[in-house]
Amino acid sequence: EIVRAPFLHKRTAVRGCVSSTKTFAGA
C-alpha cells in the first residue's frame, strides 16, 4: 500500500510505529 500510494495520489504521508518497515518500503 505504501509503495503504491504515490502512483495513485499527488501527496503521500506514512505514519507508523517504530520498526514497522516504513523505511524499507520507502527504499
mmCIF file of all heavy atoms, coordinates in Angstrom:
data_MODEL
# 
_entry.id   MODEL 
# 
loop_
_atom_site.group_PDB 
_atom_site.id 
_atom_site.type_symbol 
_atom_site.label_atom_id 
_atom_site.label_alt_id 
_atom_site.label_comp_id 
_atom_site.label_asym_id 
_atom_site.label_entity_id 
_atom_site.label_seq_id 
_atom_site.pdbx_PDB_ins_code 
_atom_site.Cartn_x 
_atom_site.Cartn_y 
_atom_site.Cartn_z 
_atom_site.occupancy 
_atom_site.B_iso_or_equiv 
_atom_site.pdbx_formal_charge 
_atom_site.auth_seq_id 
_atom_site.auth_comp_id 
_atom_site.auth_asym_id 
_atom_site.auth_atom_id 
_atom_site.pdbx_PDB_model_num 
ATOM 1   N N   . GLU A 1 1  ? 0.822  -1.206 0.000   1.00 0.00 ? 1  GLU A N   1 
ATOM 2   C CA  . GLU A 1 1  ? 0.000  0.000  0.000   1.00 0.00 ? 1  GLU A CA  1 
ATOM 3   C C   . GLU A 1 1  ? 0.863  1.266  0.000   1.00 0.00 ? 1  GLU A C   1 
ATOM 4   O O   . GLU A 1 1  ? 0.589  2.221  -0.733  1.00 0.00 ? 1  GLU A O   1 
ATOM 5   C CB  . GLU A 1 1  ? -0.915 -0.007 1.235   1.00 0.00 ? 1  GLU A CB  1 
ATOM 6   C CG  . GLU A 1 1  ? -1.865 1.136  1.321   1.00 0.00 ? 1  GLU A CG  1 
ATOM 7   C CD  . GLU A 1 1  ? -2.705 1.095  2.592   1.00 0.00 ? 1  GLU A CD  1 
ATOM 8   O OE1 . GLU A 1 1  ? -2.874 0.016  3.193   1.00 0.00 ? 1  GLU A OE1 1 
ATOM 9   O OE2 . GLU A 1 1  ? -3.177 2.181  2.995   1.00 0.00 ? 1  GLU A OE2 1 
ATOM 10  N N   . ILE A 1 2  ? 1.924  1.254  0.796   1.00 0.00 ? 2  ILE A N   1 
ATOM 11  C CA  . ILE A 1 2  ? 2.851  2.398  0.861   1.00 0.00 ? 2  ILE A CA  1 
ATOM 12  C C   . ILE A 1 2  ? 3.510  2.616  -0.496  1.00 0.00 ? 2  ILE A C   1 
ATOM 13  O O   . ILE A 1 2  ? 3.597  3.739  -0.993  1.00 0.00 ? 2  ILE A O   1 
ATOM 14  C CB  . ILE A 1 2  ? 3.918  2.179  1.957   1.00 0.00 ? 2  ILE A CB  1 
ATOM 15  C CG1 . ILE A 1 2  ? 3.284  2.247  3.344   1.00 0.00 ? 2  ILE A CG1 1 
ATOM 16  C CG2 . ILE A 1 2  ? 5.053  3.192  1.832   1.00 0.00 ? 2  ILE A CG2 1 
ATOM 17  C CD1 . ILE A 1 2  ? 4.200  1.766  4.472   1.00 0.00 ? 2  ILE A CD1 1 
ATOM 18  N N   . VAL A 1 3  ? 3.979  1.538  -1.101  1.00 0.00 ? 3  VAL A N   1 
ATOM 19  C CA  . VAL A 1 3  ? 4.694  1.631  -2.376  1.00 0.00 ? 3  VAL A CA  1 
ATOM 20  C C   . VAL A 1 3  ? 3.748  2.054  -3.507  1.00 0.00 ? 3  VAL A C   1 
ATOM 21  O O   . VAL A 1 3  ? 4.150  2.757  -4.427  1.00 0.00 ? 3  VAL A O   1 
ATOM 22  C CB  . VAL A 1 3  ? 5.399  0.286  -2.685  1.00 0.00 ? 3  VAL A CB  1 
ATOM 23  C CG1 . VAL A 1 3  ? 5.981  0.274  -4.072  1.00 0.00 ? 3  VAL A CG1 1 
ATOM 24  C CG2 . VAL A 1 3  ? 6.485  0.021  -1.653  1.00 0.00 ? 3  VAL A CG2 1 
ATOM 25  N N   . ARG A 1 4  ? 2.501  1.686  -3.433  1.00 0.00 ? 4  ARG A N   1 
ATOM 26  C CA  . ARG A 1 4  ? 1.526  2.012  -4.487  1.00 0.00 ? 4  ARG A CA  1 
ATOM 27  C C   . ARG A 1 4  ? 0.973  3.427  -4.367  1.00 0.00 ? 4  ARG A C   1 
ATOM 28  O O   . ARG A 1 4  ? 0.626  4.057  -5.374  1.00 0.00 ? 4  ARG A O   1 
ATOM 29  C CB  . ARG A 1 4  ? 0.372  0.990  -4.414  1.00 0.00 ? 4  ARG A CB  1 
ATOM 30  C CG  . ARG A 1 4  ? -0.687 1.189  -5.450  1.00 0.00 ? 4  ARG A CG  1 
ATOM 31  C CD  . ARG A 1 4  ? -0.242 0.622  -6.783  1.00 0.00 ? 4  ARG A CD  1 
ATOM 32  N NE  . ARG A 1 4  ? -1.334 0.717  -7.737  1.00 0.00 ? 4  ARG A NE  1 
ATOM 33  C CZ  . ARG A 1 4  ? -1.258 1.416  -8.857  1.00 0.00 ? 4  ARG A CZ  1 
ATOM 34  N NH1 . ARG A 1 4  ? -0.158 2.040  -9.178  1.00 0.00 ? 4  ARG A NH1 1 
ATOM 35  N NH2 . ARG A 1 4  ? -2.264 1.474  -9.679  1.00 0.00 ? 4  ARG A NH2 1 
ATOM 36  N N   . ALA A 1 5  ? 0.877  3.949  -3.143  1.00 0.00 ? 5  ALA A N   1 
ATOM 37  C CA  . ALA A 1 5  ? 0.208  5.230  -2.891  1.00 0.00 ? 5  ALA A CA  1 
ATOM 38  C C   . ALA A 1 5  ? 0.693  6.399  -3.755  1.00 0.00 ? 5  ALA A C   1 
ATOM 39  O O   . ALA A 1 5  ? -0.134 7.119  -4.317  1.00 0.00 ? 5  ALA A O   1 
ATOM 40  C CB  . ALA A 1 5  ? 0.296  5.579  -1.411  1.00 0.00 ? 5  ALA A CB  1 
ATOM 41  N N   . PRO A 1 6  ? 1.990  6.635  -3.910  1.00 0.00 ? 6  PRO A N   1 
ATOM 42  C CA  . PRO A 1 6  ? 2.408  7.784  -4.730  1.00 0.00 ? 6  PRO A CA  1 
ATOM 43  C C   . PRO A 1 6  ? 2.028  7.681  -6.205  1.00 0.00 ? 6  PRO A C   1 
ATOM 44  O O   . PRO A 1 6  ? 1.950  8.692  -6.894  1.00 0.00 ? 6  PRO A O   1 
ATOM 45  C CB  . PRO A 1 6  ? 3.929  7.802  -4.566  1.00 0.00 ? 6  PRO A CB  1 
ATOM 46  C CG  . PRO A 1 6  ? 4.165  7.109  -3.271  1.00 0.00 ? 6  PRO A CG  1 
ATOM 47  C CD  . PRO A 1 6  ? 3.116  6.046  -3.208  1.00 0.00 ? 6  PRO A CD  1 
ATOM 48  N N   . PHE A 1 7  ? 1.783  6.470  -6.685  1.00 0.00 ? 7  PHE A N   1 
ATOM 49  C CA  . PHE A 1 7  ? 1.344  6.308  -8.070  1.00 0.00 ? 7  PHE A CA  1 
ATOM 50  C C   . PHE A 1 7  ? -0.134 6.663  -8.219  1.00 0.00 ? 7  PHE A C   1 
ATOM 51  O O   . PHE A 1 7  ? -0.606 6.892  -9.318  1.00 0.00 ? 7  PHE A O   1 
ATOM 52  C CB  . PHE A 1 7  ? 1.594  4.873  -8.543  1.00 0.00 ? 7  PHE A CB  1 
ATOM 53  C CG  . PHE A 1 7  ? 3.050  4.548  -8.711  1.00 0.00 ? 7  PHE A CG  1 
ATOM 54  C CD1 . PHE A 1 7  ? 3.753  3.901  -7.705  1.00 0.00 ? 7  PHE A CD1 1 
ATOM 55  C CD2 . PHE A 1 7  ? 3.733  4.903  -9.870  1.00 0.00 ? 7  PHE A CD2 1 
ATOM 56  C CE1 . PHE A 1 7  ? 5.102  3.607  -7.854  1.00 0.00 ? 7  PHE A CE1 1 
ATOM 57  C CE2 . PHE A 1 7  ? 5.080  4.610  -10.027 1.00 0.00 ? 7  PHE A CE2 1 
ATOM 58  C CZ  . PHE A 1 7  ? 5.766  3.972  -9.014  1.00 0.00 ? 7  PHE A CZ  1 
ATOM 59  N N   . LEU A 1 8  ? -0.851 6.699  -7.091  1.00 0.00 ? 8  LEU A N   1 
ATOM 60  C CA  . LEU A 1 8  ? -2.282 6.988  -7.108  1.00 0.00 ? 8  LEU A CA  1 
ATOM 61  C C   . LEU A 1 8  ? -2.632 8.392  -6.617  1.00 0.00 ? 8  LEU A C   1 
ATOM 62  O O   . LEU A 1 8  ? -3.683 8.915  -6.969  1.00 0.00 ? 8  LEU A O   1 
ATOM 63  C CB  . LEU A 1 8  ? -3.033 5.967  -6.232  1.00 0.00 ? 8  LEU A CB  1 
ATOM 64  C CG  . LEU A 1 8  ? -2.906 4.505  -6.636  1.00 0.00 ? 8  LEU A CG  1 
ATOM 65  C CD1 . LEU A 1 8  ? -3.568 3.623  -5.583  1.00 0.00 ? 8  LEU A CD1 1 
ATOM 66  C CD2 . LEU A 1 8  ? -3.513 4.280  -8.004  1.00 0.00 ? 8  LEU A CD2 1 
ATOM 67  N N   . HIS A 1 9  ? -1.778 8.965  -5.770  1.00 0.00 ? 9  HIS A N   1 
ATOM 68  C CA  . HIS A 1 9  ? -2.074 10.237 -5.117  1.00 0.00 ? 9  HIS A CA  1 
ATOM 69  C C   . HIS A 1 9  ? -0.918 11.217 -5.285  1.00 0.00 ? 9  HIS A C   1 
ATOM 70  O O   . HIS A 1 9  ? 0.240  10.812 -5.303  1.00 0.00 ? 9  HIS A O   1 
ATOM 71  C CB  . HIS A 1 9  ? -2.332 10.024 -3.623  1.00 0.00 ? 9  HIS A CB  1 
ATOM 72  C CG  . HIS A 1 9  ? -3.340 8.956  -3.351  1.00 0.00 ? 9  HIS A CG  1 
ATOM 73  N ND1 . HIS A 1 9  ? -4.682 9.118  -3.583  1.00 0.00 ? 9  HIS A ND1 1 
ATOM 74  C CD2 . HIS A 1 9  ? -3.200 7.691  -2.886  1.00 0.00 ? 9  HIS A CD2 1 
ATOM 75  C CE1 . HIS A 1 9  ? -5.331 8.014  -3.253  1.00 0.00 ? 9  HIS A CE1 1 
ATOM 76  N NE2 . HIS A 1 9  ? -4.451 7.119  -2.842  1.00 0.00 ? 9  HIS A NE2 1 
ATOM 77  N N   . LYS A 1 10 ? -1.250 12.489 -5.361  1.00 0.00 ? 10 LYS A N   1 
ATOM 78  C CA  . LYS A 1 10 ? -0.226 13.518 -5.536  1.00 0.00 ? 10 LYS A CA  1 
ATOM 79  C C   . LYS A 1 10 ? 0.690  13.629 -4.314  1.00 0.00 ? 10 LYS A C   1 
ATOM 80  O O   . LYS A 1 10 ? 1.884  13.875 -4.448  1.00 0.00 ? 10 LYS A O   1 
ATOM 81  C CB  . LYS A 1 10 ? -0.885 14.864 -5.824  1.00 0.00 ? 10 LYS A CB  1 
ATOM 82  C CG  . LYS A 1 10 ? 0.094  15.938 -6.169  1.00 0.00 ? 10 LYS A CG  1 
ATOM 83  C CD  . LYS A 1 10 ? -0.598 17.197 -6.643  1.00 0.00 ? 10 LYS A CD  1 
ATOM 84  C CE  . LYS A 1 10 ? 0.452  18.234 -6.953  1.00 0.00 ? 10 LYS A CE  1 
ATOM 85  N NZ  . LYS A 1 10 ? 0.068  19.099 -8.039  1.00 0.00 ? 10 LYS A NZ  1 
ATOM 86  N N   . ARG A 1 11 ? 0.128  13.468 -3.113  1.00 0.00 ? 11 ARG A N   1 
ATOM 87  C CA  . ARG A 1 11 ? 0.920  13.536 -1.881  1.00 0.00 ? 11 ARG A CA  1 
ATOM 88  C C   . ARG A 1 11 ? 0.694  12.280 -1.063  1.00 0.00 ? 11 ARG A C   1 
ATOM 89  O O   . ARG A 1 11 ? -0.425 11.789 -0.987  1.00 0.00 ? 11 ARG A O   1 
ATOM 90  C CB  . ARG A 1 11 ? 0.534  14.749 -1.046  1.00 0.00 ? 11 ARG A CB  1 
ATOM 91  C CG  . ARG A 1 11 ? 0.968  16.030 -1.685  1.00 0.00 ? 11 ARG A CG  1 
ATOM 92  C CD  . ARG A 1 11 ? 0.635  17.183 -0.783  1.00 0.00 ? 11 ARG A CD  1 
ATOM 93  N NE  . ARG A 1 11 ? 1.144  18.392 -1.394  1.00 0.00 ? 11 ARG A NE  1 
ATOM 94  C CZ  . ARG A 1 11 ? 1.576  19.416 -0.719  1.00 0.00 ? 11 ARG A CZ  1 
ATOM 95  N NH1 . ARG A 1 11 ? 1.544  19.411 0.589   1.00 0.00 ? 11 ARG A NH1 1 
ATOM 96  N NH2 . ARG A 1 11 ? 2.025  20.462 -1.341  1.00 0.00 ? 11 ARG A NH2 1 
ATOM 97  N N   . THR A 1 12 ? 1.758  11.813 -0.447  1.00 0.00 ? 12 THR A N   1 
ATOM 98  C CA  . THR A 1 12 ? 1.661  10.619 0.388   1.00 0.00 ? 12 THR A CA  1 
ATOM 99  C C   . THR A 1 12 ? 2.443  10.851 1.671   1.00 0.00 ? 12 THR A C   1 
ATOM 100 O O   . THR A 1 12 ? 3.579  11.301 1.636   1.00 0.00 ? 12 THR A O   1 
ATOM 101 C CB  . THR A 1 12 ? 2.255  9.391  -0.341  1.00 0.00 ? 12 THR A CB  1 
ATOM 102 O OG1 . THR A 1 12 ? 1.532  9.182  -1.544  1.00 0.00 ? 12 THR A OG1 1 
ATOM 103 C CG2 . THR A 1 12 ? 2.180  8.148  0.514   1.00 0.00 ? 12 THR A CG2 1 
ATOM 104 N N   . ALA A 1 13 ? 1.831  10.541 2.787   1.00 0.00 ? 13 ALA A N   1 
ATOM 105 C CA  . ALA A 1 13 ? 2.496  10.575 4.093   1.00 0.00 ? 13 ALA A CA  1 
ATOM 106 C C   . ALA A 1 13 ? 2.223  9.234  4.759   1.00 0.00 ? 13 ALA A C   1 
ATOM 107 O O   . ALA A 1 13 ? 1.128  8.689  4.648   1.00 0.00 ? 13 ALA A O   1 
ATOM 108 C CB  . ALA A 1 13 ? 1.965  11.710 4.944   1.00 0.00 ? 13 ALA A CB  1 
ATOM 109 N N   . VAL A 1 14 ? 3.225  8.715  5.440   1.00 0.00 ? 14 VAL A N   1 
ATOM 110 C CA  . VAL A 1 14 ? 3.078  7.414  6.086   1.00 0.00 ? 14 VAL A CA  1 
ATOM 111 C C   . VAL A 1 14 ? 3.374  7.581  7.566   1.00 0.00 ? 14 VAL A C   1 
ATOM 112 O O   . VAL A 1 14 ? 4.441  8.051  7.947   1.00 0.00 ? 14 VAL A O   1 
ATOM 113 C CB  . VAL A 1 14 ? 4.045  6.372  5.473   1.00 0.00 ? 14 VAL A CB  1 
ATOM 114 C CG1 . VAL A 1 14 ? 3.927  5.045  6.194   1.00 0.00 ? 14 VAL A CG1 1 
ATOM 115 C CG2 . VAL A 1 14 ? 3.775  6.222  3.990   1.00 0.00 ? 14 VAL A CG2 1 
ATOM 116 N N   . ARG A 1 15 ? 2.404  7.199  8.361   1.00 0.00 ? 15 ARG A N   1 
ATOM 117 C CA  . ARG A 1 15 ? 2.582  7.243  9.803   1.00 0.00 ? 15 ARG A CA  1 
ATOM 118 C C   . ARG A 1 15 ? 2.595  5.809  10.300  1.00 0.00 ? 15 ARG A C   1 
ATOM 119 O O   . ARG A 1 15 ? 1.810  4.975  9.838   1.00 0.00 ? 15 ARG A O   1 
ATOM 120 C CB  . ARG A 1 15 ? 1.431  8.006  10.446  1.00 0.00 ? 15 ARG A CB  1 
ATOM 121 C CG  . ARG A 1 15 ? 1.602  8.167  11.914  1.00 0.00 ? 15 ARG A CG  1 
ATOM 122 C CD  . ARG A 1 15 ? 0.508  8.918  12.611  1.00 0.00 ? 15 ARG A CD  1 
ATOM 123 N NE  . ARG A 1 15 ? -0.568 9.382  11.769  1.00 0.00 ? 15 ARG A NE  1 
ATOM 124 C CZ  . ARG A 1 15 ? -1.604 10.054 12.236  1.00 0.00 ? 15 ARG A CZ  1 
ATOM 125 N NH1 . ARG A 1 15 ? -1.699 10.337 13.500  1.00 0.00 ? 15 ARG A NH1 1 
ATOM 126 N NH2 . ARG A 1 15 ? -2.562 10.454 11.428  1.00 0.00 ? 15 ARG A NH2 1 
ATOM 127 N N   . GLY A 1 16 ? 3.471  5.508  11.235  1.00 0.00 ? 16 GLY A N   1 
ATOM 128 C CA  . GLY A 1 16 ? 3.525  4.147  11.760  1.00 0.00 ? 16 GLY A CA  1 
ATOM 129 C C   . GLY A 1 16 ? 4.445  4.066  12.952  1.00 0.00 ? 16 GLY A C   1 
ATOM 130 O O   . GLY A 1 16 ? 5.180  5.005  13.264  1.00 0.00 ? 16 GLY A O   1 
ATOM 131 N N   . CYS A 1 17 ? 4.403  2.929  13.590  1.00 0.00 ? 17 CYS A N   1 
ATOM 132 C CA  . CYS A 1 17 ? 5.228  2.730  14.774  1.00 0.00 ? 17 CYS A CA  1 
ATOM 133 C C   . CYS A 1 17 ? 6.691  2.478  14.387  1.00 0.00 ? 17 CYS A C   1 
ATOM 134 O O   . CYS A 1 17 ? 7.021  2.320  13.221  1.00 0.00 ? 17 CYS A O   1 
ATOM 135 C CB  . CYS A 1 17 ? 4.679  1.562  15.579  1.00 0.00 ? 17 CYS A CB  1 
ATOM 136 S SG  . CYS A 1 17 ? 4.701  0.003  14.673  1.00 0.00 ? 17 CYS A SG  1 
ATOM 137 N N   . VAL A 1 18 ? 7.536  2.405  15.388  1.00 0.00 ? 18 VAL A N   1 
ATOM 138 C CA  . VAL A 1 18 ? 8.957  2.135  15.196  1.00 0.00 ? 18 VAL A CA  1 
ATOM 139 C C   . VAL A 1 18 ? 9.121  0.709  14.674  1.00 0.00 ? 18 VAL A C   1 
ATOM 140 O O   . VAL A 1 18 ? 8.399  -0.204 15.058  1.00 0.00 ? 18 VAL A O   1 
ATOM 141 C CB  . VAL A 1 18 ? 9.709  2.318  16.536  1.00 0.00 ? 18 VAL A CB  1 
ATOM 142 C CG1 . VAL A 1 18 ? 11.172 1.918  16.404  1.00 0.00 ? 18 VAL A CG1 1 
ATOM 143 C CG2 . VAL A 1 18 ? 9.592  3.748  17.008  1.00 0.00 ? 18 VAL A CG2 1 
ATOM 144 N N   . SER A 1 19 ? 10.072 0.525  13.775  1.00 0.00 ? 19 SER A N   1 
ATOM 145 C CA  . SER A 1 19 ? 10.419 -0.791 13.214  1.00 0.00 ? 19 SER A CA  1 
ATOM 146 C C   . SER A 1 19 ? 9.266  -1.457 12.474  1.00 0.00 ? 19 SER A C   1 
ATOM 147 O O   . SER A 1 19 ? 9.113  -2.669 12.513  1.00 0.00 ? 19 SER A O   1 
ATOM 148 C CB  . SER A 1 19 ? 10.935 -1.722 14.313  1.00 0.00 ? 19 SER A CB  1 
ATOM 149 O OG  . SER A 1 19 ? 12.123 -1.208 14.856  1.00 0.00 ? 19 SER A OG  1 
ATOM 150 N N   . SER A 1 20 ? 8.472  -0.673 11.777  1.00 0.00 ? 20 SER A N   1 
ATOM 151 C CA  . SER A 1 20 ? 7.356  -1.249 11.027  1.00 0.00 ? 20 SER A CA  1 
ATOM 152 C C   . SER A 1 20 ? 7.675  -1.360 9.538   1.00 0.00 ? 20 SER A C   1 
ATOM 153 O O   . SER A 1 20 ? 6.776  -1.559 8.738   1.00 0.00 ? 20 SER A O   1 
ATOM 154 C CB  . SER A 1 20 ? 6.090  -0.421 11.237  1.00 0.00 ? 20 SER A CB  1 
ATOM 155 O OG  . SER A 1 20 ? 6.295  0.901  10.785  1.00 0.00 ? 20 SER A OG  1 
ATOM 156 N N   . THR A 1 21 ? 8.927  -1.220 9.162   1.00 0.00 ? 21 THR A N   1 
ATOM 157 C CA  . THR A 1 21 ? 9.461  -1.362 7.802   1.00 0.00 ? 21 THR A CA  1 
ATOM 158 C C   . THR A 1 21 ? 9.022  -0.262 6.843   1.00 0.00 ? 21 THR A C   1 
ATOM 159 O O   . THR A 1 21 ? 9.005  -0.447 5.640   1.00 0.00 ? 21 THR A O   1 
ATOM 160 C CB  . THR A 1 21 ? 9.154  -2.751 7.195   1.00 0.00 ? 21 THR A CB  1 
ATOM 161 O OG1 . THR A 1 21 ? 7.768  -2.867 6.940   1.00 0.00 ? 21 THR A OG1 1 
ATOM 162 C CG2 . THR A 1 21 ? 9.635  -3.878 8.084   1.00 0.00 ? 21 THR A CG2 1 
ATOM 163 N N   . LYS A 1 22 ? 8.695  0.903  7.375   1.00 0.00 ? 22 LYS A N   1 
ATOM 164 C CA  . LYS A 1 22 ? 8.351  2.046  6.519   1.00 0.00 ? 22 LYS A CA  1 
ATOM 165 C C   . LYS A 1 22 ? 9.555  2.461  5.675   1.00 0.00 ? 22 LYS A C   1 
ATOM 166 O O   . LYS A 1 22 ? 9.404  2.765  4.495   1.00 0.00 ? 22 LYS A O   1 
ATOM 167 C CB  . LYS A 1 22 ? 7.888  3.238  7.366   1.00 0.00 ? 22 LYS A CB  1 
ATOM 168 C CG  . LYS A 1 22 ? 6.645  2.993  8.179   1.00 0.00 ? 22 LYS A CG  1 
ATOM 169 C CD  . LYS A 1 22 ? 6.261  4.199  9.008   1.00 0.00 ? 22 LYS A CD  1 
ATOM 170 C CE  . LYS A 1 22 ? 7.320  4.709  9.941   1.00 0.00 ? 22 LYS A CE  1 
ATOM 171 N NZ  . LYS A 1 22 ? 7.685  3.863  11.061  1.00 0.00 ? 22 LYS A NZ  1 
ATOM 172 N N   . THR A 1 23 ? 10.727 2.472  6.258   1.00 0.00 ? 23 THR A N   1 
ATOM 173 C CA  . THR A 1 23 ? 11.924 2.893  5.535   1.00 0.00 ? 23 THR A CA  1 
ATOM 174 C C   . THR A 1 23 ? 12.263 1.912  4.424   1.00 0.00 ? 23 THR A C   1 
ATOM 175 O O   . THR A 1 23 ? 12.640 2.321  3.328   1.00 0.00 ? 23 THR A O   1 
ATOM 176 C CB  . THR A 1 23 ? 13.119 3.047  6.501   1.00 0.00 ? 23 THR A CB  1 
ATOM 177 O OG1 . THR A 1 23 ? 12.735 3.958  7.534   1.00 0.00 ? 23 THR A OG1 1 
ATOM 178 C CG2 . THR A 1 23 ? 14.335 3.589  5.791   1.00 0.00 ? 23 THR A CG2 1 
ATOM 179 N N   . PHE A 1 24 ? 12.122 0.624  4.683   1.00 0.00 ? 24 PHE A N   1 
ATOM 180 C CA  . PHE A 1 24 ? 12.350 -0.376 3.644   1.00 0.00 ? 24 PHE A CA  1 
ATOM 181 C C   . PHE A 1 24 ? 11.381 -0.156 2.491   1.00 0.00 ? 24 PHE A C   1 
ATOM 182 O O   . PHE A 1 24 ? 11.775 -0.167 1.322   1.00 0.00 ? 24 PHE A O   1 
ATOM 183 C CB  . PHE A 1 24 ? 12.207 -1.790 4.206   1.00 0.00 ? 24 PHE A CB  1 
ATOM 184 C CG  . PHE A 1 24 ? 12.353 -2.847 3.161   1.00 0.00 ? 24 PHE A CG  1 
ATOM 185 C CD1 . PHE A 1 24 ? 13.604 -3.197 2.693   1.00 0.00 ? 24 PHE A CD1 1 
ATOM 186 C CD2 . PHE A 1 24 ? 11.237 -3.464 2.621   1.00 0.00 ? 24 PHE A CD2 1 
ATOM 187 C CE1 . PHE A 1 24 ? 13.752 -4.164 1.705   1.00 0.00 ? 24 PHE A CE1 1 
ATOM 188 C CE2 . PHE A 1 24 ? 11.367 -4.431 1.638   1.00 0.00 ? 24 PHE A CE2 1 
ATOM 189 C CZ  . PHE A 1 24 ? 12.625 -4.784 1.180   1.00 0.00 ? 24 PHE A CZ  1 
ATOM 190 N N   . ALA A 1 25 ? 10.111 0.051  2.807   1.00 0.00 ? 25 ALA A N   1 
ATOM 191 C CA  . ALA A 1 25 ? 9.111  0.308  1.770   1.00 0.00 ? 25 ALA A CA  1 
ATOM 192 C C   . ALA A 1 25 ? 9.472  1.579  1.004   1.00 0.00 ? 25 ALA A C   1 
ATOM 193 O O   . ALA A 1 25 ? 9.301  1.655  -0.217  1.00 0.00 ? 25 ALA A O   1 
ATOM 194 C CB  . ALA A 1 25 ? 7.715  0.420  2.377   1.00 0.00 ? 25 ALA A CB  1 
ATOM 195 N N   . GLY A 1 26 ? 9.990  2.585  1.707   1.00 0.00 ? 26 GLY A N   1 
ATOM 196 C CA  . GLY A 1 26 ? 10.418 3.821  1.054   1.00 0.00 ? 26 GLY A CA  1 
ATOM 197 C C   . GLY A 1 26 ? 11.565 3.597  0.079   1.00 0.00 ? 26 GLY A C   1 
ATOM 198 O O   . GLY A 1 26 ? 11.622 4.215  -0.982  1.00 0.00 ? 26 GLY A O   1 
ATOM 199 N N   . ALA A 1 27 ? 12.474 2.700  0.428   1.00 0.00 ? 27 ALA A N   1 
ATOM 200 C CA  . ALA A 1 27 ? 13.592 2.384  -0.471  1.00 0.00 ? 27 ALA A CA  1 
ATOM 201 C C   . ALA A 1 27 ? 13.087 1.660  -1.723  1.00 0.00 ? 27 ALA A C   1 
ATOM 202 O O   . ALA A 1 27 ? 13.500 1.978  -2.845  1.00 0.00 ? 27 ALA A O   1 
ATOM 203 C CB  . ALA A 1 27 ? 14.632 1.543  0.261   1.00 0.00 ? 27 ALA A CB  1 
# 
